[in-house]
Amino acid sequence: MGDEAVKIFLNAKGALDDVSDELKAFLDYVAGKKPKDAYVERLEEAVKEAKQNREWRHEYMTLLMRDQENVKIGEEKMLLLIERQYYEIFRT
């Protein structure tokens, strides 16, 4: 990805034969299952707490609205680009 960072991609729905039990429990949680170990239970409690935090919810909604607006802008730019390319192809 060009930034020299190490990135690991995990598939929560993949075969879980080659990862630790702790990672299996985390991936199961990410896939929507109930927590099965103490760490994932603590993680779930932290997530619940974060969801109840008004400031964080406001910040999340603000970022969500900004992201939605940026998607809309991107779609509009793509439409203009397609229209220009279409015009270039068929104007002759």
Protein backbone atom coordinates (compact mmCIF):
# COMPACT_ATOMS: atom_id res chain seq x y z
CA MET A 1 0.00 0.00 0.00
CA GLY A 2 3.02 2.22 -0.29
CA ASP A 3 3.46 3.37 3.31
CA GLU A 4 5.87 0.65 4.52
CA ALA A 5 3.43 -0.36 7.25
CA VAL A 6 2.81 -4.04 7.84
CA LYS A 7 -0.83 -4.88 7.28
CA ILE A 8 -2.52 -8.13 8.19
CA PHE A 9 -5.88 -9.01 6.65
CA LEU A 10 -8.05 -11.48 8.54
CA ASN A 11 -11.20 -13.18 7.32
CA ALA A 12 -13.66 -13.59 10.19
CA LYS A 13 -15.59 -16.16 8.16
CA GLY A 14 -12.57 -18.13 6.97
CA ALA A 15 -11.20 -21.47 8.14
CA LEU A 16 -9.85 -21.07 11.66
CA ASP A 17 -7.44 -24.00 11.78
CA ASP A 18 -4.20 -22.04 11.68
CA VAL A 19 -4.74 -19.31 14.30
CA SER A 20 -4.65 -19.19 18.10
CA ASP A 21 -7.74 -19.81 20.23
CA GLU A 22 -7.66 -16.15 21.28
CA LEU A 23 -7.72 -14.98 17.68
CA LYS A 24 -10.51 -17.47 16.90
CA ALA A 25 -12.56 -15.99 19.75
CA PHE A 26 -11.94 -12.46 18.48
CA LEU A 27 -12.81 -13.35 14.88
CA ASP A 28 -15.97 -15.10 16.04
CA TYR A 29 -16.92 -11.90 17.91
CA VAL A 30 -16.22 -9.80 14.80
CA ALA A 31 -18.47 -12.21 12.86
CA GLY A 32 -21.31 -11.47 15.31
CA LYS A 33 -21.03 -14.36 17.76
CA LYS A 34 -21.12 -14.03 21.56
CA PRO A 35 -17.74 -13.48 23.25
CA LYS A 36 -16.05 -16.70 24.35
CA ASP A 37 -13.05 -15.51 26.33
CA ALA A 38 -12.24 -12.87 28.93
CA TYR A 39 -10.44 -10.52 26.54
CA VAL A 40 -13.28 -10.48 24.03
CA GLU A 41 -15.79 -9.99 26.86
CA ARG A 42 -13.80 -6.93 28.02
CA LEU A 43 -13.67 -5.72 24.44
CA GLU A 44 -17.45 -6.07 24.13
CA GLU A 45 -17.93 -4.06 27.34
CA ALA A 46 -15.64 -1.32 25.99
CA VAL A 47 -17.63 -1.25 22.75
CA LYS A 48 -20.91 -0.95 24.67
CA GLU A 49 -19.43 1.85 26.78
CA ALA A 50 -18.21 3.69 23.70
CA LYS A 51 -21.66 3.42 22.11
CA GLN A 52 -23.18 5.07 25.19
CA ASN A 53 -20.69 7.96 25.18
CA ARG A 54 -22.55 10.99 23.80
CA GLU A 55 -19.37 12.76 22.68
CA TRP A 56 -18.12 9.73 20.78
CA ARG A 57 -21.55 9.14 19.22
CA HIS A 58 -21.63 12.77 18.07
CA GLU A 59 -18.13 12.47 16.63
CA TYR A 60 -19.05 9.20 14.90
CA MET A 61 -22.18 10.73 13.36
CA THR A 62 -20.20 13.78 12.23
CA LEU A 63 -17.61 11.57 10.55
CA LEU A 64 -20.34 9.41 9.02
CA MET A 65 -22.06 12.46 7.52
CA ARG A 66 -18.73 13.74 6.19
CA ASP A 67 -17.97 10.36 4.65
CA GLN A 68 -21.41 10.21 3.04
CA GLU A 69 -20.92 13.70 1.60
CA ASN A 70 -17.50 12.72 0.24
CA VAL A 71 -19.02 9.63 -1.40
CA LYS A 72 -21.65 11.85 -3.01
CA ILE A 73 -18.95 14.24 -4.27
CA GLY A 74 -16.97 11.28 -5.63
CA GLU A 75 -20.01 9.92 -7.43
CA GLU A 76 -20.71 13.33 -8.98
CA LYS A 77 -17.10 13.64 -10.14
CA MET A 78 -17.21 10.14 -11.62
CA LEU A 79 -20.41 10.97 -13.49
CA LEU A 80 -18.78 14.10 -14.95
CA LEU A 81 -15.73 12.08 -15.98
CA ILE A 82 -17.89 9.45 -17.67
CA GLU A 83 -19.89 12.14 -19.46
CA ARG A 84 -16.68 13.78 -20.73
CA GLN A 85 -15.27 10.47 -21.94
CA TYR A 86 -18.56 9.62 -23.63
CA TYR A 87 -18.54 13.01 -25.35
CA GLU A 88 -14.93 12.53 -26.49
CA ILE A 89 -15.72 9.10 -27.95
CA PHE A 90 -18.89 10.04 -29.79
CA ARG A 91 -18.29 13.65 -30.86
CA THR A 92 -16.51 12.64 -34.06
